[in-house]
Amino acid sequence: MTATFWHRLAFWLARPGWPGWVGAALLAAALALAAFELPEQQARLAQVRATPASAVLRPPAPPPSPLAGLLTERDEVKVLGVLFRAAHDAGLQLDQGAYRVTRQRHGRIAVLAITLPLTGSDPAVRGFLADILAATPGLALESLVLRRPDIATTDLTADVHLALFLKVNR
C-alpha cells in the first residue's frame, strides 16, 4: 500500500466530520438493536396471532352491586346504639340527637340523617368520627362544625351531621 492510499483514506474518513460519525454510530446501534430484538418481537407477534379472538375479547366481569355492603332498615337501631356507645367510649358528652329517615318512592335506598351535638376534646371528636366511619358501612360524614367557646378551654362543641344509607326492605 502506498502513501497515496493512506492520504486518500484519511481524506475520506475526515470528510463527513463529527455529524457524519454520530449518524453512522446511531445507524450501527439501530442495526444491532434490530438484529437482537427483531426475533423476540416476531415470536411475540406469532404468539398473539395464535391466540383465539374469543380469549382476547372476553367481556369484563360485572361490577359488584353497590347495595351489597349496605345495612338494612332493620339495622337502624343497632347503628344508633353503636354511635352512642362509641361516643361514650371516646369520652364525649352526647345529650340528644336528631334523626330523620328519607325514603324515595320507588328507590331501593333509604337515608337516615343523623345530627349529633357532641361536647369533648378535639382528639376525642376526631377519633370518634374515624372509628364510626371505619366500622359502619354506608355511613358518610356530611358536615362537621367545631366551636370552641373560649380560647382557654380544651373542650369544644361539635355538630356532626351524618348520613346512613340503608337498603329498603321490600
N, C-alpha and C. Protein backbone atom coordinates (compact mmCIF):
# COMPACT_ATOMS: atom_id res chain seq x y z
N MET A 1 0.84 -1.16 0.00
CA MET A 1 0.00 0.00 0.00
C MET A 1 0.90 1.24 0.00
N THR A 2 0.51 2.13 -0.75
CA THR A 2 1.34 3.31 -0.94
C THR A 2 0.87 4.44 -0.05
N ALA A 3 1.67 5.46 -0.03
CA ALA A 3 1.33 6.62 0.80
C ALA A 3 0.12 7.33 0.25
N THR A 4 -0.07 7.27 -1.05
CA THR A 4 -1.23 7.92 -1.66
C THR A 4 -2.52 7.29 -1.14
N PHE A 5 -2.53 5.98 -1.00
CA PHE A 5 -3.71 5.30 -0.46
C PHE A 5 -4.05 5.80 0.94
N TRP A 6 -3.02 5.93 1.79
CA TRP A 6 -3.26 6.36 3.16
C TRP A 6 -3.75 7.81 3.20
N HIS A 7 -3.24 8.63 2.32
CA HIS A 7 -3.70 10.02 2.28
C HIS A 7 -5.16 10.09 1.83
N ARG A 8 -5.51 9.31 0.83
CA ARG A 8 -6.90 9.31 0.36
C ARG A 8 -7.85 8.74 1.42
N LEU A 9 -7.41 7.68 2.12
CA LEU A 9 -8.23 7.11 3.19
C LEU A 9 -8.46 8.14 4.29
N ALA A 10 -7.41 8.84 4.69
CA ALA A 10 -7.55 9.87 5.72
C ALA A 10 -8.49 10.98 5.26
N PHE A 11 -8.40 11.34 3.98
CA PHE A 11 -9.27 12.38 3.43
C PHE A 11 -10.74 11.95 3.49
N TRP A 12 -11.04 10.74 3.07
CA TRP A 12 -12.42 10.26 3.05
C TRP A 12 -12.97 10.00 4.46
N LEU A 13 -12.10 9.66 5.39
CA LEU A 13 -12.57 9.46 6.77
C LEU A 13 -12.84 10.80 7.47
N ALA A 14 -12.10 11.82 7.10
CA ALA A 14 -12.29 13.13 7.74
C ALA A 14 -13.41 13.93 7.08
N ARG A 15 -13.78 13.59 5.91
CA ARG A 15 -14.75 14.37 5.15
C ARG A 15 -16.13 14.46 5.81
N PRO A 16 -16.73 13.36 6.37
CA PRO A 16 -18.08 13.51 6.96
C PRO A 16 -18.10 14.39 8.20
N GLY A 17 -17.02 14.51 8.91
CA GLY A 17 -16.99 15.31 10.12
C GLY A 17 -17.71 14.61 11.27
N TRP A 18 -17.85 15.33 12.38
CA TRP A 18 -18.47 14.69 13.55
C TRP A 18 -19.95 14.38 13.33
N PRO A 19 -20.73 15.19 12.59
CA PRO A 19 -22.13 14.80 12.38
C PRO A 19 -22.27 13.50 11.61
N GLY A 20 -21.41 13.29 10.66
CA GLY A 20 -21.45 12.05 9.90
C GLY A 20 -21.13 10.85 10.76
N TRP A 21 -20.14 10.99 11.64
CA TRP A 21 -19.76 9.88 12.50
C TRP A 21 -20.82 9.58 13.56
N VAL A 22 -21.47 10.62 14.06
CA VAL A 22 -22.58 10.39 15.00
C VAL A 22 -23.71 9.66 14.30
N GLY A 23 -24.02 10.08 13.08
CA GLY A 23 -25.05 9.40 12.31
C GLY A 23 -24.70 7.96 12.03
N ALA A 24 -23.44 7.70 11.69
CA ALA A 24 -23.01 6.33 11.43
C ALA A 24 -23.09 5.48 12.70
N ALA A 25 -22.75 6.07 13.85
CA ALA A 25 -22.83 5.33 15.12
C ALA A 25 -24.28 5.01 15.47
N LEU A 26 -25.17 5.98 15.25
CA LEU A 26 -26.59 5.73 15.53
C LEU A 26 -27.16 4.68 14.59
N LEU A 27 -26.75 4.71 13.33
CA LEU A 27 -27.20 3.70 12.38
C LEU A 27 -26.73 2.31 12.79
N ALA A 28 -25.46 2.21 13.24
CA ALA A 28 -24.93 0.92 13.68
C ALA A 28 -25.68 0.43 14.92
N ALA A 29 -25.98 1.34 15.84
CA ALA A 29 -26.72 0.95 17.05
C ALA A 29 -28.13 0.47 16.69
N ALA A 30 -28.79 1.15 15.76
CA ALA A 30 -30.13 0.74 15.35
C ALA A 30 -30.11 -0.63 14.68
N LEU A 31 -29.10 -0.89 13.86
CA LEU A 31 -28.99 -2.20 13.21
C LEU A 31 -28.72 -3.30 14.22
N ALA A 32 -27.87 -3.03 15.20
CA ALA A 32 -27.58 -4.04 16.22
C ALA A 32 -28.83 -4.32 17.06
N LEU A 33 -29.56 -3.27 17.42
CA LEU A 33 -30.78 -3.45 18.20
C LEU A 33 -31.81 -4.25 17.41
N ALA A 34 -31.96 -3.94 16.14
CA ALA A 34 -32.91 -4.67 15.31
C ALA A 34 -32.51 -6.14 15.18
N ALA A 35 -31.21 -6.39 15.11
CA ALA A 35 -30.76 -7.78 14.96
C ALA A 35 -31.04 -8.60 16.21
N PHE A 36 -30.94 -7.98 17.38
CA PHE A 36 -31.17 -8.72 18.62
C PHE A 36 -32.63 -8.74 19.04
N GLU A 37 -33.37 -7.67 18.75
CA GLU A 37 -34.74 -7.53 19.22
C GLU A 37 -35.77 -8.09 18.24
N LEU A 38 -35.49 -8.09 16.97
CA LEU A 38 -36.45 -8.50 15.97
C LEU A 38 -36.94 -9.93 16.13
N PRO A 39 -36.08 -10.93 16.39
CA PRO A 39 -36.61 -12.29 16.57
C PRO A 39 -37.57 -12.41 17.77
N GLU A 40 -37.28 -11.69 18.83
CA GLU A 40 -38.15 -11.75 20.01
C GLU A 40 -39.52 -11.12 19.69
N GLN A 41 -39.52 -10.01 18.98
CA GLN A 41 -40.77 -9.37 18.59
C GLN A 41 -41.58 -10.26 17.65
N GLN A 42 -40.91 -10.93 16.74
CA GLN A 42 -41.61 -11.82 15.82
C GLN A 42 -42.22 -13.00 16.57
N ALA A 43 -41.52 -13.52 17.58
CA ALA A 43 -42.07 -14.63 18.37
C ALA A 43 -43.31 -14.16 19.14
N ARG A 44 -43.27 -12.94 19.71
CA ARG A 44 -44.43 -12.41 20.43
C ARG A 44 -45.61 -12.20 19.49
N LEU A 45 -45.34 -11.71 18.30
CA LEU A 45 -46.39 -11.50 17.33
C LEU A 45 -47.03 -12.82 16.90
N ALA A 46 -46.22 -13.86 16.73
CA ALA A 46 -46.76 -15.18 16.37
C ALA A 46 -47.62 -15.73 17.51
N GLN A 47 -47.22 -15.49 18.75
CA GLN A 47 -48.00 -15.95 19.90
C GLN A 47 -49.35 -15.23 19.97
N VAL A 48 -49.36 -13.93 19.71
CA VAL A 48 -50.62 -13.18 19.73
C VAL A 48 -51.53 -13.63 18.59
N ARG A 49 -50.95 -13.88 17.44
CA ARG A 49 -51.77 -14.33 16.31
C ARG A 49 -52.34 -15.72 16.54
N ALA A 50 -51.66 -16.55 17.34
CA ALA A 50 -52.14 -17.90 17.61
C ALA A 50 -53.24 -17.92 18.66
N THR A 51 -53.38 -16.84 19.46
CA THR A 51 -54.40 -16.76 20.49
C THR A 51 -55.76 -16.53 19.83
N PRO A 52 -56.77 -17.32 20.20
CA PRO A 52 -58.10 -17.12 19.59
C PRO A 52 -58.68 -15.77 20.03
N ALA A 53 -59.46 -15.18 19.15
CA ALA A 53 -60.05 -13.87 19.42
C ALA A 53 -61.03 -13.92 20.59
N SER A 54 -61.66 -15.06 20.82
CA SER A 54 -62.62 -15.15 21.92
C SER A 54 -61.94 -15.00 23.27
N ALA A 55 -60.68 -15.43 23.37
CA ALA A 55 -59.96 -15.29 24.64
C ALA A 55 -59.52 -13.85 24.86
N VAL A 56 -59.24 -13.14 23.80
CA VAL A 56 -58.78 -11.76 23.93
C VAL A 56 -59.96 -10.83 24.18
N LEU A 57 -61.08 -11.07 23.54
CA LEU A 57 -62.23 -10.18 23.61
C LEU A 57 -63.27 -10.65 24.62
N ARG A 58 -62.85 -11.24 25.72
CA ARG A 58 -63.76 -11.70 26.75
C ARG A 58 -64.39 -10.49 27.44
N PRO A 59 -65.71 -10.46 27.63
CA PRO A 59 -66.32 -9.30 28.28
C PRO A 59 -65.89 -9.22 29.75
N PRO A 60 -65.79 -8.01 30.28
CA PRO A 60 -65.38 -7.88 31.68
C PRO A 60 -66.46 -8.38 32.63
N ALA A 61 -66.03 -8.77 33.81
CA ALA A 61 -66.98 -9.24 34.82
C ALA A 61 -67.83 -8.06 35.28
N PRO A 62 -69.10 -8.29 35.57
CA PRO A 62 -69.94 -7.18 36.01
C PRO A 62 -69.46 -6.66 37.37
N PRO A 63 -69.57 -5.36 37.59
CA PRO A 63 -69.12 -4.81 38.87
C PRO A 63 -70.05 -5.27 39.99
N PRO A 64 -69.53 -5.34 41.21
CA PRO A 64 -70.40 -5.75 42.32
C PRO A 64 -71.47 -4.70 42.57
N SER A 65 -72.58 -5.15 43.09
CA SER A 65 -73.69 -4.25 43.37
C SER A 65 -73.30 -3.28 44.49
N PRO A 66 -73.58 -1.99 44.31
CA PRO A 66 -73.26 -1.05 45.38
C PRO A 66 -74.13 -1.26 46.62
N LEU A 67 -75.24 -1.96 46.47
CA LEU A 67 -76.11 -2.21 47.61
C LEU A 67 -75.66 -3.40 48.44
N ALA A 68 -74.69 -4.16 47.95
CA ALA A 68 -74.31 -5.40 48.62
C ALA A 68 -73.76 -5.16 50.03
N GLY A 69 -73.04 -4.07 50.23
CA GLY A 69 -72.42 -3.85 51.54
C GLY A 69 -73.24 -3.02 52.50
N LEU A 70 -74.41 -2.54 52.06
CA LEU A 70 -75.21 -1.68 52.92
C LEU A 70 -76.00 -2.47 53.95
N LEU A 71 -76.26 -1.81 55.07
CA LEU A 71 -77.12 -2.38 56.10
C LEU A 71 -78.57 -2.22 55.68
N THR A 72 -79.47 -2.95 56.34
CA THR A 72 -80.90 -2.85 56.02
C THR A 72 -81.58 -1.89 56.99
N GLU A 73 -82.82 -1.55 56.70
CA GLU A 73 -83.57 -0.64 57.56
C GLU A 73 -83.75 -1.21 58.97
N ARG A 74 -83.73 -2.51 59.08
CA ARG A 74 -83.89 -3.14 60.39
C ARG A 74 -82.69 -2.85 61.31
N ASP A 75 -81.56 -2.45 60.72
CA ASP A 75 -80.34 -2.22 61.48
C ASP A 75 -80.23 -0.79 62.01
N GLU A 76 -81.26 0.05 61.82
CA GLU A 76 -81.20 1.44 62.27
C GLU A 76 -80.90 1.54 63.76
N VAL A 77 -81.64 0.82 64.54
CA VAL A 77 -81.50 0.91 66.00
C VAL A 77 -80.13 0.42 66.44
N LYS A 78 -79.63 -0.64 65.80
CA LYS A 78 -78.30 -1.15 66.14
C LYS A 78 -77.22 -0.10 65.86
N VAL A 79 -77.34 0.57 64.73
CA VAL A 79 -76.34 1.58 64.36
C VAL A 79 -76.38 2.75 65.33
N LEU A 80 -77.59 3.17 65.70
CA LEU A 80 -77.69 4.26 66.67
C LEU A 80 -77.07 3.86 68.01
N GLY A 81 -77.29 2.63 68.41
CA GLY A 81 -76.65 2.14 69.63
C GLY A 81 -75.14 2.14 69.52
N VAL A 82 -74.61 1.76 68.37
CA VAL A 82 -73.17 1.78 68.15
C VAL A 82 -72.64 3.20 68.22
N LEU A 83 -73.37 4.16 67.64
CA LEU A 83 -72.93 5.56 67.68
C LEU A 83 -72.88 6.08 69.12
N PHE A 84 -73.93 5.82 69.89
CA PHE A 84 -73.96 6.29 71.27
C PHE A 84 -72.86 5.62 72.11
N ARG A 85 -72.65 4.33 71.89
CA ARG A 85 -71.62 3.61 72.63
C ARG A 85 -70.22 4.14 72.26
N ALA A 86 -70.00 4.41 70.97
CA ALA A 86 -68.70 4.92 70.54
C ALA A 86 -68.44 6.32 71.10
N ALA A 87 -69.49 7.15 71.17
CA ALA A 87 -69.33 8.48 71.75
C ALA A 87 -69.00 8.38 73.24
N HIS A 88 -69.66 7.47 73.93
CA HIS A 88 -69.37 7.28 75.35
C HIS A 88 -67.96 6.76 75.55
N ASP A 89 -67.53 5.80 74.71
CA ASP A 89 -66.18 5.23 74.83
C ASP A 89 -65.10 6.27 74.53
N ALA A 90 -65.41 7.24 73.65
CA ALA A 90 -64.43 8.28 73.31
C ALA A 90 -64.39 9.39 74.35
N GLY A 91 -65.29 9.32 75.33
CA GLY A 91 -65.32 10.33 76.38
C GLY A 91 -66.06 11.60 75.96
N LEU A 92 -66.98 11.46 75.03
CA LEU A 92 -67.74 12.61 74.56
C LEU A 92 -69.09 12.67 75.24
N GLN A 93 -69.57 13.88 75.46
CA GLN A 93 -70.89 14.07 76.05
C GLN A 93 -71.88 14.24 74.91
N LEU A 94 -72.89 13.39 74.91
CA LEU A 94 -73.91 13.39 73.87
C LEU A 94 -75.26 13.50 74.55
N ASP A 95 -75.83 14.70 74.53
CA ASP A 95 -77.10 14.91 75.23
C ASP A 95 -78.28 14.38 74.44
N GLN A 96 -78.38 14.77 73.20
CA GLN A 96 -79.52 14.35 72.39
C GLN A 96 -79.10 14.35 70.93
N GLY A 97 -79.87 13.69 70.13
CA GLY A 97 -79.59 13.64 68.70
C GLY A 97 -80.88 13.75 67.93
N ALA A 98 -80.76 14.16 66.69
CA ALA A 98 -81.93 14.27 65.82
C ALA A 98 -81.76 13.27 64.68
N TYR A 99 -82.84 12.60 64.35
CA TYR A 99 -82.80 11.56 63.33
C TYR A 99 -83.98 11.76 62.40
N ARG A 100 -83.73 11.56 61.11
CA ARG A 100 -84.80 11.68 60.13
C ARG A 100 -84.53 10.67 59.01
N VAL A 101 -85.56 9.90 58.66
CA VAL A 101 -85.43 8.91 57.60
C VAL A 101 -86.08 9.46 56.34
N THR A 102 -85.35 9.37 55.23
CA THR A 102 -85.88 9.80 53.94
C THR A 102 -85.90 8.60 53.02
N ARG A 103 -87.09 8.30 52.50
CA ARG A 103 -87.24 7.17 51.56
C ARG A 103 -87.73 7.72 50.23
N GLN A 104 -87.20 7.17 49.18
CA GLN A 104 -87.70 7.53 47.86
C GLN A 104 -88.89 6.63 47.54
N ARG A 105 -89.78 7.12 46.73
CA ARG A 105 -90.99 6.37 46.44
C ARG A 105 -90.68 5.03 45.76
N HIS A 106 -89.83 5.05 44.76
CA HIS A 106 -89.53 3.83 44.01
C HIS A 106 -88.08 3.40 44.17
N GLY A 107 -87.34 4.02 45.06
CA GLY A 107 -85.93 3.71 45.22
C GLY A 107 -85.69 2.49 46.09
N ARG A 108 -84.48 2.03 46.10
CA ARG A 108 -84.10 0.87 46.92
C ARG A 108 -83.21 1.28 48.08
N ILE A 109 -83.06 2.61 48.29
CA ILE A 109 -82.20 3.10 49.36
C ILE A 109 -82.98 4.09 50.21
N ALA A 110 -82.81 3.97 51.52
CA ALA A 110 -83.33 4.95 52.47
C ALA A 110 -82.13 5.64 53.11
N VAL A 111 -82.28 6.92 53.43
CA VAL A 111 -81.20 7.69 54.03
C VAL A 111 -81.64 8.12 55.42
N LEU A 112 -80.87 7.74 56.40
CA LEU A 112 -81.11 8.14 57.78
C LEU A 112 -80.17 9.30 58.07
N ALA A 113 -80.74 10.51 58.21
CA ALA A 113 -79.95 11.70 58.53
C ALA A 113 -79.82 11.79 60.04
N ILE A 114 -78.59 11.87 60.52
CA ILE A 114 -78.31 11.87 61.95
C ILE A 114 -77.57 13.16 62.29
N THR A 115 -78.07 13.88 63.29
CA THR A 115 -77.40 15.08 63.78
C THR A 115 -77.04 14.84 65.24
N LEU A 116 -75.76 14.94 65.55
CA LEU A 116 -75.29 14.69 66.91
C LEU A 116 -74.55 15.91 67.42
N PRO A 117 -75.05 16.57 68.48
CA PRO A 117 -74.27 17.62 69.13
C PRO A 117 -73.36 16.99 70.19
N LEU A 118 -72.07 17.10 70.02
CA LEU A 118 -71.11 16.47 70.92
C LEU A 118 -70.32 17.53 71.67
N THR A 119 -69.89 17.18 72.87
CA THR A 119 -69.02 18.05 73.65
C THR A 119 -67.84 17.21 74.13
N GLY A 120 -66.63 17.69 73.86
CA GLY A 120 -65.43 16.97 74.28
C GLY A 120 -64.20 17.58 73.64
N SER A 121 -63.09 16.90 73.79
CA SER A 121 -61.84 17.41 73.24
C SER A 121 -61.76 17.15 71.74
N ASP A 122 -60.91 17.92 71.06
CA ASP A 122 -60.76 17.77 69.61
C ASP A 122 -60.25 16.38 69.23
N PRO A 123 -59.23 15.82 69.88
CA PRO A 123 -58.80 14.46 69.51
C PRO A 123 -59.89 13.41 69.75
N ALA A 124 -60.71 13.61 70.79
CA ALA A 124 -61.78 12.65 71.06
C ALA A 124 -62.83 12.69 69.95
N VAL A 125 -63.18 13.89 69.48
CA VAL A 125 -64.17 14.02 68.40
C VAL A 125 -63.63 13.39 67.12
N ARG A 126 -62.39 13.69 66.79
CA ARG A 126 -61.81 13.14 65.56
C ARG A 126 -61.64 11.62 65.64
N GLY A 127 -61.27 11.10 66.80
CA GLY A 127 -61.16 9.66 66.99
C GLY A 127 -62.52 8.98 66.89
N PHE A 128 -63.54 9.60 67.48
CA PHE A 128 -64.90 9.07 67.40
C PHE A 128 -65.35 8.98 65.94
N LEU A 129 -65.14 10.05 65.18
CA LEU A 129 -65.54 10.05 63.77
C LEU A 129 -64.78 9.00 62.97
N ALA A 130 -63.49 8.89 63.20
CA ALA A 130 -62.70 7.89 62.47
C ALA A 130 -63.18 6.48 62.79
N ASP A 131 -63.49 6.22 64.05
CA ASP A 131 -63.94 4.89 64.46
C ASP A 131 -65.29 4.52 63.85
N ILE A 132 -66.26 5.43 63.93
CA ILE A 132 -67.59 5.08 63.44
C ILE A 132 -67.63 5.00 61.91
N LEU A 133 -66.87 5.86 61.23
CA LEU A 133 -66.85 5.80 59.78
C LEU A 133 -66.17 4.53 59.27
N ALA A 134 -65.18 4.06 60.00
CA ALA A 134 -64.50 2.83 59.60
C ALA A 134 -65.33 1.59 59.93
N ALA A 135 -66.12 1.65 60.99
CA ALA A 135 -66.83 0.47 61.46
C ALA A 135 -68.23 0.30 60.84
N THR A 136 -68.80 1.36 60.28
CA THR A 136 -70.18 1.29 59.82
C THR A 136 -70.23 1.44 58.30
N PRO A 137 -70.63 0.38 57.59
CA PRO A 137 -70.75 0.50 56.13
C PRO A 137 -71.95 1.38 55.77
N GLY A 138 -71.75 2.24 54.78
CA GLY A 138 -72.83 3.10 54.33
C GLY A 138 -72.98 4.38 55.13
N LEU A 139 -72.08 4.65 56.06
CA LEU A 139 -72.15 5.87 56.86
C LEU A 139 -71.23 6.91 56.25
N ALA A 140 -71.77 8.13 56.07
CA ALA A 140 -70.99 9.21 55.46
C ALA A 140 -71.08 10.45 56.34
N LEU A 141 -69.98 11.17 56.41
CA LEU A 141 -69.94 12.43 57.15
C LEU A 141 -70.37 13.54 56.20
N GLU A 142 -71.50 14.18 56.50
CA GLU A 142 -71.98 15.27 55.66
C GLU A 142 -71.36 16.60 56.05
N SER A 143 -71.31 16.88 57.34
CA SER A 143 -70.68 18.13 57.77
C SER A 143 -70.24 17.99 59.22
N LEU A 144 -69.27 18.81 59.56
CA LEU A 144 -68.74 18.85 60.92
C LEU A 144 -68.48 20.32 61.24
N VAL A 145 -69.13 20.81 62.29
CA VAL A 145 -68.94 22.19 62.72
C VAL A 145 -68.35 22.13 64.12
N LEU A 146 -67.14 22.69 64.27
CA LEU A 146 -66.46 22.71 65.55
C LEU A 146 -66.51 24.14 66.11
N ARG A 147 -66.91 24.27 67.39
CA ARG A 147 -66.95 25.57 68.05
C ARG A 147 -66.25 25.45 69.40
N ARG A 148 -65.39 26.42 69.66
CA ARG A 148 -64.72 26.49 70.95
C ARG A 148 -65.19 27.81 71.58
N PRO A 149 -65.94 27.73 72.70
CA PRO A 149 -66.50 28.96 73.27
C PRO A 149 -65.42 29.93 73.78
N ASP A 150 -64.32 29.40 74.24
CA ASP A 150 -63.27 30.26 74.80
C ASP A 150 -61.92 29.68 74.41
N ILE A 151 -60.97 30.51 74.14
CA ILE A 151 -59.65 30.04 73.70
C ILE A 151 -58.94 29.26 74.80
N ALA A 152 -59.28 29.51 76.04
CA ALA A 152 -58.60 28.86 77.16
C ALA A 152 -59.13 27.46 77.45
N THR A 153 -60.31 27.12 76.97
CA THR A 153 -60.89 25.81 77.27
C THR A 153 -60.37 24.76 76.29
N THR A 154 -60.28 23.54 76.77
CA THR A 154 -59.83 22.45 75.91
C THR A 154 -61.00 21.72 75.26
N ASP A 155 -62.19 21.85 75.86
CA ASP A 155 -63.36 21.18 75.28
C ASP A 155 -63.99 22.07 74.22
N LEU A 156 -64.57 21.41 73.24
CA LEU A 156 -65.27 22.14 72.18
C LEU A 156 -66.61 21.49 71.93
N THR A 157 -67.47 22.20 71.24
CA THR A 157 -68.78 21.70 70.86
C THR A 157 -68.73 21.37 69.37
N ALA A 158 -69.17 20.18 69.04
CA ALA A 158 -69.15 19.75 67.64
C ALA A 158 -70.56 19.37 67.21
N ASP A 159 -70.98 19.90 66.10
CA ASP A 159 -72.24 19.49 65.48
C ASP A 159 -71.88 18.57 64.33
N VAL A 160 -72.21 17.30 64.48
CA VAL A 160 -71.86 16.28 63.49
C VAL A 160 -73.13 15.90 62.73
N HIS A 161 -73.07 16.01 61.41
CA HIS A 161 -74.19 15.61 60.55
C HIS A 161 -73.74 14.41 59.73
N LEU A 162 -74.40 13.27 59.96
CA LEU A 162 -74.05 12.03 59.29
C LEU A 162 -75.22 11.57 58.43
N ALA A 163 -74.92 10.79 57.41
CA ALA A 163 -75.95 10.18 56.58
C ALA A 163 -75.66 8.68 56.54
N LEU A 164 -76.64 7.89 56.87
CA LEU A 164 -76.51 6.45 56.84
C LEU A 164 -77.41 5.93 55.71
N PHE A 165 -76.79 5.31 54.72
CA PHE A 165 -77.52 4.76 53.58
C PHE A 165 -77.91 3.31 53.90
N LEU A 166 -79.19 3.01 53.78
CA LEU A 166 -79.72 1.70 54.13
C LEU A 166 -80.48 1.10 52.96
N LYS A 167 -80.44 -0.23 52.87
CA LYS A 167 -81.27 -0.92 51.88
C LYS A 167 -82.70 -0.96 52.35
N VAL A 168 -83.63 -0.72 51.44
CA VAL A 168 -85.05 -0.74 51.79
C VAL A 168 -85.51 -2.20 51.78
N ASN A 169 -86.24 -2.59 52.81
CA ASN A 169 -86.80 -3.94 52.89
C ASN A 169 -88.12 -3.96 52.13
N ARG A 170 -88.17 -4.76 51.08
CA ARG A 170 -89.42 -4.88 50.31
C ARG A 170 -89.74 -6.31 50.08
